[in-house]
C-alpha atoms as a PDB file:
ATOM      1  CA  MET A   1     -71.769 -13.534  26.000  1.00  0.00           C
ATOM      2  CA  LYS A   2     -70.754 -10.464  24.181  1.00  0.00           C
ATOM      3  CA  LEU A   3     -67.223  -9.049  24.571  1.00  0.00           C
ATOM      4  CA  ARG A   4     -67.096  -5.344  24.912  1.00  0.00           C
ATOM      5  CA  PHE A   5     -63.844  -3.407  24.602  1.00  0.00           C
ATOM      6  CA  SER A   6     -63.450   0.198  25.490  1.00  0.00           C
ATOM      7  CA  ILE A   7     -61.352   2.654  23.506  1.00  0.00           C
ATOM      8  CA  ARG A   8     -58.802   2.523  26.326  1.00  0.00           C
ATOM      9  CA  ASP A   9     -58.451  -1.253  25.926  1.00  0.00           C
ATOM     10  CA  LEU A  10     -57.996  -0.953  22.156  1.00  0.00           C
ATOM     11  CA  ALA A  11     -55.422   1.844  22.582  1.00  0.00           C
ATOM     12  CA  LEU A  12     -53.500  -0.288  25.093  1.00  0.00           C
ATOM     13  CA  LEU A  13     -53.618  -3.322  22.783  1.00  0.00           C
ATOM     14  CA  THR A  14     -52.432  -1.172  19.839  1.00  0.00           C
ATOM     15  CA  ALA A  15     -49.532   0.204  21.930  1.00  0.00           C
ATOM     16  CA  VAL A  16     -48.464  -3.278  23.043  1.00  0.00           C
ATOM     17  CA  VAL A  17     -48.592  -4.657  19.489  1.00  0.00           C
ATOM     18  CA  ALA A  18     -46.716  -1.619  18.119  1.00  0.00           C
ATOM     19  CA  LEU A  19     -43.999  -1.917  20.770  1.00  0.00           C
ATOM     20  CA  SER A  20     -43.675  -5.644  20.119  1.00  0.00           C
ATOM     21  CA  ILE A  21     -43.333  -5.138  16.370  1.00  0.00           C
ATOM     22  CA  GLY A  22     -40.855  -2.279  16.904  1.00  0.00           C
ATOM     23  CA  TRP A  23     -38.734  -4.365  19.266  1.00  0.00           C
ATOM     24  CA  PHE A  24     -38.758  -7.318  16.855  1.00  0.00           C
ATOM     25  CA  MET A  25     -37.712  -5.148  13.887  1.00  0.00           C
ATOM     26  CA  ASP A  26     -35.000  -3.416  15.934  1.00  0.00           C
ATOM     27  CA  HIS A  27     -33.654  -6.723  17.240  1.00  0.00           C
ATOM     28  CA  ARG A  28     -33.600  -8.190  13.755  1.00  0.00           C
ATOM     29  CA  SER A  29     -31.781  -5.135  12.334  1.00  0.00           C
ATOM     30  CA  GLU A  30     -29.192  -5.283  15.160  1.00  0.00           C
ATOM     31  CA  GLU A  31     -28.456  -8.905  14.301  1.00  0.00           C
ATOM     32  CA  LYS A  32     -28.124  -7.948  10.649  1.00  0.00           C
ATOM     33  CA  VAL A  33     -25.766  -5.078  11.478  1.00  0.00           C
ATOM     34  CA  ILE A  34     -23.651  -7.324  13.707  1.00  0.00           C
ATOM     35  CA  ARG A  35     -23.492  -9.975  10.986  1.00  0.00           C
ATOM     36  CA  LEU A  36     -22.571  -7.385   8.336  1.00  0.00           C
ATOM     37  CA  HIS A  37     -19.858  -5.939  10.590  1.00  0.00           C
ATOM     38  CA  GLN A  38     -18.487  -9.415  11.230  1.00  0.00           C
ATOM     39  CA  GLU A  39     -18.466 -10.217   7.491  1.00  0.00           C
ATOM     40  CA  GLY A  40     -16.782  -6.893   6.752  1.00  0.00           C
ATOM     41  CA  GLU A  41     -14.188  -7.510   9.447  1.00  0.00           C
ATOM     42  CA  ASP A  42     -13.489 -11.008   8.105  1.00  0.00           C
ATOM     43  CA  ARG A  43     -13.144  -9.624   4.576  1.00  0.00           C
ATOM     44  CA  LEU A  44     -10.818  -6.881   5.813  1.00  0.00           C
ATOM     45  CA  VAL A  45      -8.633  -9.385   7.691  1.00  0.00           C
ATOM     46  CA  LYS A  46      -8.408 -11.502   4.521  1.00  0.00           C
ATOM     47  CA  GLN A  47      -7.390  -8.471   2.458  1.00  0.00           C
ATOM     48  CA  ILE A  48      -4.799  -7.436   5.039  1.00  0.00           C
ATOM     49  CA  ASN A  49      -3.348 -10.944   5.039  1.00  0.00           C
ATOM     50  CA  ASN A  50      -3.264 -10.946   1.217  1.00  0.00           C
ATOM     51  CA  TYR A  51      -1.576  -7.538   1.160  1.00  0.00           C
ATOM     52  CA  HIS A  52       0.880  -8.666   3.824  1.00  0.00           C
ATOM     53  CA  GLY A  53       1.841 -11.645   1.654  1.00  0.00           C
ATOM     54  CA  THR A  54       2.084  -9.392  -1.398  1.00  0.00           C
ATOM     55  CA  VAL A  55       4.291  -6.935   0.486  1.00  0.00           C
ATOM     56  CA  ASP A  56       6.580  -9.783   1.556  1.00  0.00           C
ATOM     57  CA  VAL A  57       6.885 -10.961  -2.049  1.00  0.00           C
ATOM     58  CA  MET A  58       7.522  -7.417  -3.292  1.00  0.00           C
ATOM     59  CA  ALA A  59      10.127  -6.861  -0.575  1.00  0.00           C
ATOM     60  CA  GLY A  60      11.941  -9.998  -1.711  1.00  0.00           C
ATOM     61  CA  VAL A  61      11.821  -8.882  -5.336  1.00  0.00           C
ATOM     62  CA  LEU A  62      13.062  -5.409  -4.463  1.00  0.00           C
ATOM     63  CA  LYS A  63      15.816  -6.891  -2.334  1.00  0.00           C
ATOM     64  CA  SER A  64      17.009  -9.051  -5.229  1.00  0.00           C
ATOM     65  CA  TYR A  65      16.793  -6.102  -7.624  1.00  0.00           C
ATOM     66  CA  GLY A  66      18.583  -3.981  -5.044  1.00  0.00           C
ATOM     67  CA  GLN A  67      21.492  -6.411  -5.116  1.00  0.00           C
ATOM     68  CA  GLN A  68      21.488  -6.311  -8.918  1.00  0.00           C
ATOM     69  CA  VAL A  69      21.519  -2.501  -8.828  1.00  0.00           C
ATOM     70  CA  LYS A  70      24.433  -2.543  -6.384  1.00  0.00           C
ATOM     71  CA  ASP A  71      26.295  -4.895  -8.718  1.00  0.00           C
ATOM     72  CA  LEU A  72      25.596  -2.618 -11.697  1.00  0.00           C
ATOM     73  CA  ILE A  73      26.808   0.435  -9.776  1.00  0.00           C
ATOM     74  CA  ALA A  74      29.999  -1.408  -8.907  1.00  0.00           C
ATOM     75  CA  GLN A  75      30.493  -2.325 -12.581  1.00  0.00           C
ATOM     76  CA  VAL A  76      29.913   1.286 -13.666  1.00  0.00           C
ATOM     77  CA  ARG A  77      32.474   2.502 -11.127  1.00  0.00           C
ATOM     78  CA  MET A  78      35.002  -0.054 -12.367  1.00  0.00           C
ATOM     79  CA  LEU A  79      34.431   0.999 -15.982  1.00  0.00           C
ATOM     80  CA  ARG A  80      34.694   4.670 -15.045  1.00  0.00           C
ATOM     81  CA  ASN A  81      38.010   4.011 -13.279  1.00  0.00           C
ATOM     82  CA  GLU A  82      39.280   1.986 -16.263  1.00  0.00           C
ATOM     83  CA  ILE A  83      38.341   4.808 -18.648  1.00  0.00           C
ATOM     84  CA  ARG A  84      39.978   7.375 -16.378  1.00  0.00           C
ATOM     85  CA  ASP A  85      43.134   5.250 -16.136  1.00  0.00           C
ATOM     86  CA  HIS A  86      43.163   4.656 -19.890  1.00  0.00           C
ATOM     87  CA  TYR A  87      42.720   8.365 -20.575  1.00  0.00           C
ATOM     88  CA  SER A  88      45.468   9.235 -18.074  1.00  0.00           C
ATOM     89  CA  GLN A  89      47.843   6.730 -19.688  1.00  0.00           C
ATOM     90  CA  ASN A  90      47.163   8.051 -23.189  1.00  0.00           C
ATOM     91  CA  THR A  91      47.761  11.670 -22.234  1.00  0.00           C
ATOM     92  CA  THR A  92      51.008  10.892 -20.404  1.00  0.00           C
ATOM     93  CA  GLN A  93      52.290   8.616 -23.188  1.00  0.00           C
ATOM     94  CA  SER A  94      51.675  11.134 -25.930  1.00  0.00           C
ATOM     95  CA  GLY A  95      53.430  13.792 -23.874  1.00  0.00           C
ATOM     96  CA  THR A  96      50.653  16.286 -24.353  1.00  0.00           C
ATOM     97  CA  SER A  97      48.673  17.771 -21.619  1.00  0.00           C
ATOM     98  CA  SER A  98      46.000  20.338 -21.578  1.00  0.00           C
ATOM     99  CA  ALA A  99      48.612  23.037 -20.823  1.00  0.00           C
ATOM    100  CA  ASP A 100      50.616  22.049 -23.965  1.00  0.00           C
ATOM    101  CA  THR A 101      47.645  22.284 -26.279  1.00  0.00           C
ATOM    102  CA  LYS A 102      46.859  25.896 -25.422  1.00  0.00           C
ATOM    103  CA  ALA A 103      47.668  28.491 -28.035  1.00  0.00           C
ATOM    104  CA  PRO A 104      50.875  30.410 -27.384  1.00  0.00           C
ATOM    105  CA  ALA A 105      50.390  33.875 -26.024  1.00  0.00           C
ATOM    106  CA  THR A 106      51.167  36.682 -28.433  1.00  0.00           C
ATOM    107  CA  GLN A 107      53.722  39.255 -27.420  1.00  0.00           C
END
């Protein structure tokens, strides 16, 4: 018994095999894309969580430095007031003021 295939049968077989291979490759690439997206999403969530922790740490550091800066500003203001008071006391004790140190007007 000899099998005889027509060109139509071979063309149909070729189309079925080509569609099957195409579907298989497409399905496999979709799975790969989904897996890559999932891995990327997981990596992104990890990075966001790491950055969130880093931001919390930095906020705490800045808050502590902020308090130190406020303390330094308060100290500078106190020193400025002490210098101003000291300067005011020296000028009033010596009896000279800026008006007294001006040159007399010529007549």
